[in-house]
Protein backbone atom coordinates (compact mmCIF):
# COMPACT_ATOMS: atom_id res chain seq x y z
CA MET A 1 13.88 -57.01 -59.37
CA ALA A 2 10.52 -55.70 -58.05
CA ASN A 3 10.00 -53.78 -54.83
CA ARG A 4 7.95 -51.49 -53.07
CA PHE A 5 9.90 -48.06 -54.43
CA CYS A 6 10.46 -49.05 -58.05
CA ASN A 7 9.84 -52.36 -60.21
CA LEU A 8 12.86 -53.10 -62.44
CA ASN A 9 12.97 -56.09 -64.63
CA GLY A 10 16.41 -57.93 -64.64
CA PRO A 11 16.72 -59.15 -67.96
CA THR A 12 16.27 -55.16 -69.03
CA PRO A 13 19.03 -53.15 -69.53
CA ILE A 14 19.39 -50.16 -67.12
CA SER A 15 19.80 -47.24 -69.67
CA GLN A 16 15.90 -48.91 -71.28
CA ASP A 17 14.69 -48.58 -67.29
CA TYR A 18 16.00 -45.32 -66.07
CA PRO A 19 12.48 -44.04 -65.62
CA ASN A 20 11.32 -46.80 -63.00
CA ILE A 21 14.93 -46.27 -61.27
CA SER A 22 13.77 -42.23 -61.07
CA ILE A 23 10.39 -42.99 -59.82
CA GLY A 24 11.84 -45.26 -56.73
CA PHE A 25 14.20 -42.28 -56.00
CA ASP A 26 11.67 -40.21 -55.71
CA ARG A 27 9.41 -42.92 -53.58
CA VAL A 28 12.73 -43.20 -51.03
CA ALA A 29 12.46 -39.01 -50.48
CA ALA A 30 8.89 -38.99 -50.11
CA GLU A 31 9.10 -41.40 -47.20
CA LEU A 32 12.47 -40.17 -45.60
CA ASP A 33 10.64 -36.61 -45.64
CA GLY A 34 7.57 -38.12 -43.57
CA LEU A 35 9.94 -39.69 -41.53
CA ASP A 36 10.85 -37.69 -37.43
CA THR A 37 14.46 -37.08 -37.37
CA LEU A 38 17.19 -35.88 -34.60
CA ASP A 39 18.12 -32.05 -34.70
CA PRO A 40 21.91 -31.35 -34.30
CA ALA A 41 21.78 -31.01 -30.83
CA ASP A 42 20.60 -34.38 -29.92
CA ARG A 43 22.87 -36.12 -32.27
CA THR A 44 25.74 -34.60 -30.36
CA LYS A 45 24.49 -36.01 -27.63
CA LEU A 46 24.18 -39.75 -29.11
CA ASP A 47 28.10 -38.94 -30.33
CA SER A 48 28.69 -38.67 -26.37
CA VAL A 49 27.55 -41.74 -24.98
CA GLN A 50 30.54 -44.00 -23.84
CA ASN A 51 29.75 -47.77 -24.58
CA GLY A 52 28.89 -49.67 -21.34
CA ALA A 53 26.50 -46.39 -19.77
CA GLU A 54 23.68 -47.23 -17.77
CA VAL A 55 20.99 -45.18 -16.02
CA ASN A 56 22.02 -42.00 -13.98
CA GLN A 57 22.69 -43.54 -10.07
CA ASN A 58 20.75 -41.95 -7.01
CA ALA A 59 23.70 -40.56 -5.25
CA PHE A 60 25.99 -37.40 -4.77
CA ALA A 61 29.13 -37.15 -6.79
CA LYS A 62 30.78 -34.28 -5.34
CA VAL A 63 30.64 -33.18 -2.00
CA ASN A 64 32.92 -29.78 -1.58
CA ASN A 65 35.18 -30.68 -4.16
CA LEU A 66 35.70 -34.45 -3.65
CA ASP A 67 34.43 -36.87 -6.05
CA ALA A 68 33.21 -39.89 -5.54
CA GLY A 69 35.33 -42.46 -6.65
CA ALA A 70 32.85 -45.51 -7.65
CA GLU A 71 29.16 -45.50 -8.78
CA SER A 72 28.00 -46.03 -4.68
CA ASP A 73 31.01 -44.17 -2.85
CA THR A 74 30.43 -43.30 0.51
CA LEU A 75 31.62 -39.68 2.22
CA THR A 76 32.29 -39.34 6.47
CA VAL A 77 31.98 -35.97 7.89
CA GLU A 78 33.56 -36.10 11.29
CA GLY A 79 33.11 -33.46 14.13
CA GLY A 80 36.22 -32.19 15.72
CA THR A 81 36.28 -30.92 19.34
CA GLY A 82 33.27 -29.52 20.44
CA ILE A 83 31.15 -30.38 17.22
CA THR A 84 28.88 -33.10 16.83
CA VAL A 85 27.35 -34.44 13.52
CA THR A 86 23.72 -35.76 12.84
CA THR A 87 21.61 -36.08 9.77
CA ASN A 88 18.24 -35.98 8.34
CA PRO A 89 17.53 -38.51 5.59
CA VAL A 90 14.68 -37.02 4.86
CA SER A 91 15.70 -33.88 4.00
CA LYS A 92 19.44 -34.55 2.58
CA LYS A 93 20.46 -32.51 5.72
CA VAL A 94 24.25 -33.01 7.37
CA ILE A 95 23.61 -31.07 10.91
CA ILE A 96 26.87 -29.74 12.43
CA THR A 97 26.36 -28.55 15.75
CA ALA A 98 28.62 -26.99 17.98
CA THR A 99 28.24 -28.04 21.58
CA GLY A 100 29.72 -25.63 23.85
CA ALA A 101 31.19 -29.22 25.56
CA SER A 102 34.56 -28.52 25.33
CA THR A 103 37.12 -25.69 23.28
CA PRO A 104 39.22 -26.40 20.35
CA GLY A 105 41.94 -26.83 20.97
CA ALA A 106 45.30 -25.66 19.63
CA HIS A 107 43.32 -23.01 17.35
CA GLY A 108 43.00 -20.95 20.00
CA SER A 109 46.24 -21.12 21.60
CA SER A 110 47.91 -21.12 18.25
CA HIS A 111 46.38 -17.45 17.80
CA THR A 112 47.88 -15.96 20.68
CA GLU A 113 50.35 -14.17 21.48
CA HIS A 114 52.65 -17.64 22.15
CA GLY A 115 51.31 -19.06 18.82
CA ALA A 116 52.64 -19.70 15.81
CA ASP A 117 49.90 -17.42 13.94
CA PRO A 118 48.67 -14.40 16.49
CA VAL A 119 45.98 -12.14 16.50
CA PRO A 120 47.38 -8.64 16.99
CA ASN A 121 46.45 -6.81 20.44
CA ALA A 122 43.96 -3.86 20.17
CA THR A 123 44.80 -0.65 19.70
CA VAL A 124 42.56 2.34 20.01
CA THR A 125 41.48 2.47 16.61
CA GLU A 126 41.72 -1.37 15.91
CA GLY A 127 40.07 -4.13 17.28
CA GLY A 128 42.22 -7.29 18.64
CA LEU A 129 43.27 -9.77 21.40
CA MET A 130 43.36 -7.77 24.59
CA SER A 131 46.84 -8.04 26.09
CA ALA A 132 47.49 -9.25 29.48
CA ALA A 133 48.28 -6.23 31.13
CA ASP A 134 45.14 -4.86 29.90
CA LYS A 135 43.45 -7.94 31.17
CA VAL A 136 45.15 -6.62 34.67
CA GLU A 137 44.00 -3.07 34.13
CA LEU A 138 40.60 -4.26 33.64
CA THR A 139 40.27 -6.42 36.37
CA GLU A 140 41.73 -3.69 38.79
CA LEU A 141 39.32 -1.01 36.97
CA ALA A 142 36.25 -3.42 37.72
CA ASP A 143 37.39 -3.37 41.36
CA ASP A 144 37.61 0.08 41.75
CA ILE A 145 34.14 0.56 40.27
CA VAL A 146 32.68 -1.80 42.75
CA ASN A 147 35.10 -0.62 45.34
CA MET A 148 34.95 3.35 44.59
CA PRO A 149 34.32 5.70 47.54
CA TYR A 150 31.16 6.91 47.63
CA ASN A 151 29.90 9.66 45.50
CA VAL A 152 26.44 10.53 43.82
CA TYR A 153 27.99 8.30 40.60
CA ARG A 154 28.28 5.02 42.72
CA GLN A 155 25.54 5.89 45.40
CA ALA A 156 23.18 8.79 44.68
CA ILE A 157 20.72 7.38 47.82
CA ILE A 158 21.59 8.82 51.45
CA ASN A 159 20.74 6.04 53.81
CA GLY A 160 19.73 3.18 51.76
CA ASN A 161 20.42 0.91 54.63
CA PHE A 162 18.36 2.10 56.73
CA ASP A 163 20.81 2.20 59.62
CA ILE A 164 20.14 5.74 61.02
CA TRP A 165 16.70 6.97 62.65
CA GLN A 166 17.32 10.06 64.32
CA ARG A 167 13.52 11.04 64.79
CA GLY A 168 12.23 7.41 66.20
CA THR A 169 12.14 3.42 64.85
CA SER A 170 8.50 3.37 64.34
CA PHE A 171 5.82 5.52 63.16
CA ALA A 172 2.05 5.28 62.98
CA SER A 173 1.54 8.98 60.30
CA ASP A 174 3.11 10.38 57.34
CA GLY A 175 6.33 12.14 56.97
CA TYR A 176 9.93 11.61 57.57
CA THR A 177 10.80 8.77 59.72
CA ALA A 178 14.04 7.15 58.88
CA ASP A 179 16.20 9.80 57.87
CA ARG A 180 16.13 10.98 54.16
CA TRP A 181 13.00 8.86 53.57
CA GLN A 182 9.36 10.19 53.25
CA SER A 183 6.34 7.99 54.17
CA LEU A 184 3.04 9.12 52.11
CA ASN A 185 -0.20 7.90 51.40
CA PHE A 186 -3.25 9.07 49.95
CA ALA A 187 -6.88 7.77 50.22
CA ASP A 188 -8.45 10.20 47.57
CA GLY A 189 -11.98 10.07 49.82
CA GLY A 190 -11.95 6.70 51.04
CA THR A 191 -10.29 5.12 53.95
CA LEU A 192 -6.69 4.10 54.42
CA PRO A 193 -5.97 0.83 56.26
CA SER A 194 -3.70 1.87 59.37
CA ILE A 195 -0.41 1.88 58.58
CA THR A 196 3.06 1.67 60.82
CA ARG A 197 6.51 2.33 59.39
CA SER A 198 9.27 0.59 61.71
CA ARG A 199 13.07 -0.36 61.67
CA GLN A 200 13.76 -3.91 62.09
CA GLN A 201 16.51 -6.10 62.76
CA LEU A 202 17.68 -8.15 60.33
CA PRO A 203 18.69 -11.95 61.18
CA LEU A 204 22.76 -12.10 60.54
CA GLY A 205 23.04 -13.99 57.39
CA VAL A 206 19.78 -13.07 55.30
CA LEU A 207 21.44 -10.07 53.72
CA ASP A 208 25.23 -9.10 53.23
CA GLY A 209 25.81 -5.63 53.84
CA ALA A 210 22.62 -4.72 55.97
CA SER A 211 21.35 -4.88 59.70
CA TYR A 212 18.35 -3.44 59.08
CA TYR A 213 15.43 -3.22 56.91
CA TYR A 214 12.16 -0.69 56.33
CA SER A 215 9.09 -2.78 57.07
CA ILE A 216 5.30 -0.86 56.12
CA SER A 217 3.09 -3.00 58.20
CA LEU A 218 -1.35 -2.81 57.05
CA ASN A 219 -4.06 -4.04 59.01
CA GLY A 220 -6.07 -4.09 55.36
CA ALA A 221 -6.96 -3.19 52.25
CA GLY A 222 -8.17 0.27 52.97
CA SER A 223 -11.83 0.73 51.30
CA SER A 224 -13.34 3.18 48.67
CA LEU A 225 -9.91 4.41 47.40
CA GLY A 226 -10.24 6.38 45.06
CA ALA A 227 -8.43 7.14 41.22
CA ASN A 228 -5.59 8.93 42.72
CA ARG A 229 -5.07 6.99 45.72
CA TYR A 230 -0.82 6.13 46.34
CA GLY A 231 0.91 4.62 49.35
CA MET A 232 5.43 5.08 48.56
CA LEU A 233 8.29 5.55 50.14
CA MET A 234 10.90 8.13 48.68
CA GLN A 235 13.83 10.35 48.66
CA GLY A 236 15.01 13.05 47.41
CA ILE A 237 18.62 13.19 45.56
CA GLU A 238 19.78 16.87 46.11
CA PHE A 239 21.25 18.10 43.01
CA GLY A 240 20.32 15.02 41.14
CA ALA A 241 18.72 16.57 38.23
CA ARG A 242 21.63 18.23 37.28
CA TYR A 243 24.43 15.52 38.22
CA LEU A 244 23.06 12.30 37.00
CA CYS A 245 20.62 13.33 34.24
CA GLY A 246 21.08 14.78 30.54
CA ASN A 247 20.95 13.54 26.91
CA GLY A 248 22.22 9.83 26.63
CA LYS A 249 22.78 9.67 30.59
CA LYS A 250 20.88 6.49 32.45
CA VAL A 251 20.77 5.96 36.06
CA THR A 252 19.71 2.34 37.87
CA VAL A 253 17.34 1.84 40.89
CA SER A 254 17.76 -1.33 42.51
CA PHE A 255 16.60 -2.47 46.19
CA GLU A 256 16.11 -5.84 47.70
CA ALA A 257 12.46 -6.37 48.87
CA ARG A 258 9.72 -9.27 50.39
CA SER A 259 6.34 -9.35 50.89
CA SER A 260 3.73 -10.98 53.31
CA ILE A 261 1.23 -9.97 51.15
CA ALA A 262 0.37 -12.10 48.25
CA GLY A 263 0.62 -10.99 45.16
CA LYS A 264 1.76 -7.53 46.26
CA ARG A 265 3.40 -5.67 43.60
CA ILE A 266 6.12 -2.86 44.08
CA GLY A 267 6.66 0.46 41.58
CA VAL A 268 9.82 2.35 41.28
CA THR A 269 9.34 5.65 38.92
CA LEU A 270 12.07 8.73 39.07
CA SER A 271 11.02 12.50 38.33
CA GLN A 272 13.91 15.01 37.24
CA ASN A 273 12.97 18.18 39.31
CA TYR A 274 14.33 21.58 38.54
CA GLY A 275 13.50 23.09 42.34
CA THR A 276 11.51 25.95 42.95
CA GLY A 277 12.44 29.90 42.84
CA GLY A 278 12.61 31.66 40.02
CA SER A 279 10.48 30.33 36.94
CA PRO A 280 12.30 26.59 36.89
CA SER A 281 11.25 24.32 33.95
CA SER A 282 8.57 21.71 34.55
CA PRO A 283 9.49 18.37 36.39
CA ASP A 284 10.20 15.78 34.35
CA ASN A 285 8.47 12.12 35.15
CA LEU A 286 10.32 9.09 33.71
CA VAL A 287 8.48 6.22 33.77
CA GLY A 288 9.91 3.13 35.52
CA THR A 289 8.64 -0.04 35.99
CA ASN A 290 6.36 -2.80 38.93
CA PHE A 291 7.64 -5.81 40.31
CA THR A 292 5.53 -8.72 41.89
CA LEU A 293 6.98 -9.26 45.51
CA THR A 294 7.87 -12.92 46.89
CA SER A 295 8.14 -13.89 50.91
CA SER A 296 11.61 -13.87 50.43
CA PHE A 297 14.15 -11.02 49.86
CA GLN A 298 14.64 -10.69 46.36
CA LYS A 299 16.94 -7.89 44.56
CA TYR A 300 14.91 -5.41 41.51
CA SER A 301 16.22 -3.23 39.07
CA PHE A 302 15.23 -0.76 36.37
CA THR A 303 17.56 1.47 34.40
CA PHE A 304 15.99 4.68 33.61
CA ASP A 305 16.84 6.68 30.21
CA THR A 306 17.26 10.64 32.09
CA ALA A 307 15.88 13.36 29.86
CA THR A 308 18.09 16.43 28.48
CA LEU A 309 19.14 19.22 30.11
CA ALA A 310 19.05 21.42 27.36
CA GLY A 311 16.75 24.32 27.16
CA LYS A 312 16.15 23.84 31.14
CA THR A 313 16.61 26.32 33.77
CA LEU A 314 16.78 25.76 37.45
CA GLY A 315 15.20 26.94 39.97
CA THR A 316 16.70 29.94 42.06
CA ASN A 317 16.89 28.02 45.59
CA ASN A 318 19.38 26.14 44.39
CA ASN A 319 17.31 23.02 45.14
CA ASP A 320 16.95 20.90 42.28
CA ALA A 321 16.84 17.07 42.82
CA LEU A 322 15.69 13.52 41.62
CA TYR A 323 13.29 11.97 43.35
CA LEU A 324 13.06 8.63 43.87
CA TYR A 325 9.44 6.79 44.32
CA LEU A 326 9.04 2.89 45.53
CA TYR A 327 5.12 2.76 44.74
CA TYR A 328 3.49 0.11 46.82
CA ALA A 329 -0.62 1.32 46.45
CA TRP A 330 -1.68 3.63 43.13
CA GLY A 331 -4.75 4.37 41.51
CA SER A 332 -5.33 4.58 37.76
CA VAL A 333 -4.14 8.21 37.75
CA ARG A 334 -0.43 7.18 38.89
CA ARG A 335 -0.51 3.76 37.24
CA SER A 336 1.49 4.93 33.51
CA PHE A 337 4.23 6.36 36.32
CA VAL A 338 5.68 2.76 37.34
CA GLY A 339 4.88 0.42 33.65
CA ALA A 340 1.31 -0.42 34.92
CA THR A 341 -1.62 -0.90 32.61
CA THR A 342 -4.05 -2.20 36.24
CA ASP A 343 -4.33 -0.46 39.54
CA GLU A 344 -2.38 -1.81 43.11
CA THR A 345 -4.55 -1.82 46.02
CA PHE A 346 -2.91 -1.34 49.39
CA GLY A 347 -3.13 -5.50 49.00
CA GLY A 348 -4.78 -6.63 52.45
CA ALA A 349 -3.26 -7.64 56.37
CA GLY A 350 0.06 -7.97 56.32
CA THR A 351 4.11 -6.09 55.57
CA ILE A 352 5.95 -4.78 52.71
CA GLU A 353 9.72 -4.96 53.12
CA ILE A 354 12.43 -2.84 51.87
CA ALA A 355 16.45 -2.79 52.22
CA GLU A 356 19.69 -1.80 50.13
CA VAL A 357 18.05 0.89 48.08
CA GLN A 358 20.86 1.94 45.77
CA VAL A 359 21.02 4.77 42.63
CA ASN A 360 23.98 4.43 40.68
CA ALA A 361 24.59 6.28 37.06
CA GLY A 362 24.87 4.30 34.00
CA ASP A 363 22.63 0.70 33.39
CA THR A 364 24.46 -1.69 35.56
CA ALA A 365 22.97 -2.49 38.66
CA LEU A 366 26.34 -1.87 40.87
CA PRO A 367 26.35 -4.43 44.15
CA PHE A 368 25.34 -2.73 47.12
CA GLN A 369 27.90 -1.25 49.41
CA PRO A 370 27.67 -0.23 52.85
CA LYS A 371 28.63 2.65 53.81
CA SER A 372 30.66 3.08 57.52
CA LYS A 373 27.69 4.20 59.95
CA GLY A 374 29.78 7.69 61.08
CA GLN A 375 29.87 8.79 57.17
CA GLU A 376 26.24 7.84 56.73
CA GLU A 377 24.77 9.46 59.99
CA VAL A 378 27.64 12.26 58.86
CA ASP A 379 25.42 12.43 55.44
CA CYS A 380 22.06 12.73 57.35
CA LEU A 381 23.07 15.68 59.48
CA ARG A 382 23.19 17.38 56.98
CA TYR A 383 19.83 17.45 56.41
CA ARG A 384 18.54 16.70 59.62
CA TRP A 385 19.96 16.94 63.65
CA GLN A 386 18.34 17.01 66.86
CA SER A 387 20.79 18.00 69.75
CA TRP A 388 19.59 15.22 72.00
CA THR A 389 21.67 11.85 72.20
CA ASP A 390 20.69 8.37 73.48
CA ALA A 391 17.33 8.65 73.50
CA PHE A 392 14.37 9.32 70.46
CA LEU A 393 12.28 11.69 72.98
CA SER A 394 13.59 15.43 74.05
CA PRO A 395 14.57 14.95 77.56
CA SER A 396 13.66 16.94 80.70
CA VAL A 397 17.07 18.15 80.99
CA GLY A 398 18.20 20.27 77.85
CA SER A 399 21.50 19.69 75.64
CA ILE A 400 22.28 22.89 74.97
CA SER A 401 22.50 26.10 77.60
CA GLY A 402 21.77 29.84 77.07
CA LEU A 403 22.70 32.77 78.94
CA ALA A 404 19.96 35.26 79.72
CA LEU A 405 21.40 38.39 78.21
CA THR A 406 17.93 40.41 78.36
CA THR A 407 14.68 39.06 79.58
CA ASN A 408 13.88 38.03 76.11
CA ALA A 409 17.29 36.71 74.65
CA LEU A 410 20.03 34.03 75.52
CA LEU A 411 23.28 33.84 74.38
CA VAL A 412 24.46 30.19 73.19
CA ASN A 413 27.02 29.99 70.37
CA SER A 414 25.48 26.55 68.76
CA ARG A 415 27.31 25.17 66.35
CA PHE A 416 25.58 22.27 64.31
CA PRO A 417 28.41 19.08 63.52
CA THR A 418 28.47 19.66 60.15
CA PRO A 419 27.56 22.12 58.00
CA MET A 420 24.03 21.85 56.59
CA ARG A 421 22.33 21.95 53.61
CA ILE A 422 20.74 25.72 53.76
CA VAL A 423 19.97 27.32 56.87
CA PRO A 424 18.27 25.81 58.69
CA THR A 425 14.24 26.09 60.15
CA MET A 426 14.69 25.56 63.93
CA THR A 427 12.66 24.05 66.47
CA VAL A 428 12.87 24.42 70.35
CA THR A 429 11.81 21.11 72.87
CA ASN A 430 12.42 19.92 76.04
CA ASN A 431 11.05 17.23 77.90
CA ASN A 432 9.47 16.50 74.10
CA VAL A 433 7.16 19.90 74.61
CA ILE A 434 7.81 22.51 71.52
CA ASN A 435 9.30 25.67 72.70
CA GLN A 436 9.65 25.22 75.83
CA PHE A 437 12.88 25.70 78.02
CA ARG A 438 14.00 24.68 81.65
CA SER A 439 15.81 26.71 84.49
CA THR A 440 19.16 25.69 85.03
CA SER A 441 19.26 26.78 88.26
CA THR A 442 15.54 26.19 89.62
CA GLY A 443 14.30 23.63 87.25
CA ALA A 444 11.42 25.17 86.45
CA VAL A 445 9.72 24.98 82.99
CA ILE A 446 8.91 27.86 80.70
CA THR A 447 7.11 27.70 77.60
CA VAL A 448 7.52 30.58 75.32
CA THR A 449 8.08 31.17 71.01
CA PRO A 450 11.12 32.14 69.75
CA THR A 451 11.27 34.71 67.29
CA SER A 452 14.56 34.59 66.02
CA TYR A 453 17.99 33.57 66.41
CA ALA A 454 21.08 36.02 65.14
CA ALA A 455 23.80 35.30 63.68
CA ILE A 456 22.46 32.07 62.37
CA SER A 457 23.72 30.27 59.33
CA ASN A 458 24.13 26.81 57.64
CA LYS A 459 27.05 26.13 60.68
CA GLY A 460 25.30 27.46 63.82
CA PHE A 461 23.96 30.62 65.46
CA LEU A 462 24.53 33.30 68.22
CA LEU A 463 21.77 34.44 70.19
CA LEU A 464 18.63 33.16 70.71
CA SER A 465 15.00 35.34 70.86
CA VAL A 466 11.66 34.70 72.33
CA SER A 467 8.72 36.87 72.49
CA GLY A 468 7.75 38.65 75.86
CA THR A 469 10.13 38.75 78.80
CA PRO A 470 10.33 35.59 80.43
CA PHE A 471 13.84 34.99 81.39
CA THR A 472 15.84 36.39 84.14
CA VAL A 473 18.50 38.34 83.28
CA GLY A 474 22.15 36.49 84.46
CA GLN A 475 20.44 32.90 84.45
CA TYR A 476 21.08 29.84 82.27
CA TYR A 477 18.48 27.76 80.67
CA ASP A 478 18.88 24.30 79.00
CA PHE A 479 16.53 22.93 76.23
CA ASP A 480 17.31 20.89 73.10
CA LEU A 481 17.27 21.89 69.04
CA ILE A 482 16.25 20.29 66.42
CA ALA A 483 17.49 22.15 62.79
CA ASP A 484 15.69 20.59 59.58
CA ALA A 485 17.27 21.34 56.18
CA GLU A 486 15.51 18.77 54.34
CA LEU A 487 14.90 18.99 50.46
């Protein structure tokens, strides 16, 4: 029969038509060689196709080892206690969120000492749970820290509550004001505003633990003030450099403040001062920060990293200190001291008010804890003592009397109420007049300059000598004394 590969003649025997058959096979082979054929991998794939197979479906076949049970199956994710579950169809995400609204139920209790799977208590070498006994001890320790007796680590500032004012309660010029506190202001070529520093009473309930605050009242901003201008309130902490400072040590300053001057800033900084005498090291100034005050009292705090003491030398006068500076005005020379990039003027007419100043060791501002007034007064008397009481001005009748042993020497034998920091500088006054004595018998007053104090120490003195010969031997003379041992 005829076909496109060979032309076989039916009646012709195959043996006679063999050449046509060969020709046909050759043609079949040639055509097959020209066709695309499947490689073995494709044949394996085709062999694995099951009967009834369909095109791939848009579905997840397995989630966390859970296999789908049908072509279109459903998986539900549930939230437990304190857990919410949301979805994002666009990004194909399931979002699981711990809300914090409630705590896991049995899970937490199962890991305490009463549960089925307790976590061991912590040891000094390995972490773990806190035991009930440790919690009691920690609570007691925290209470002790807050209420510990005052020392330089708990509260290094003296008169931080502004309770003691031996020198008066209102001041129009710089110098010591409230005990242990100096007010210093400098115009650097310009004109300062009028500044009044005073003690003011706090209404009950405004600040817990405080009765007074320190008020700085200004009548304006001043004019033509130079780059080194400043206004500050400062205190030196005796031995603060050696006790509070050193490599890795931190101290935290905190205080309450407010101002009626809009936008008024106050800055805080410290200086490690190694004292005087001999060849002490230069001070290390610790950069602080500044705050913008509001019209209500707020607590402000800042933690300082102190400078290392390695290689430092203290002065021979035993007067190293850590100085606290509260700036309420600064120029470009000092702005970096308080972490500022711009100057701060005195601001204008108004008041700056400060209370509850504290410096404590560590990186946390501890709650302010007022001292008893008696303890605060004893601490202040170490640095300054005046012999009279009940009034800020020296009275006409002196509080101390001395017997004239000679015409220029009085036997006094006066004892200070508490040992002073050093042998103090002495000032005689009577009726608020410096170097004035009063004859106890006649009431006559004489003005003469004391020249020496015999047998004097930081605890008192025995004999007072003066220039000239103003005294009558055997007569008593009364006067008042100021003993000053400030840093």
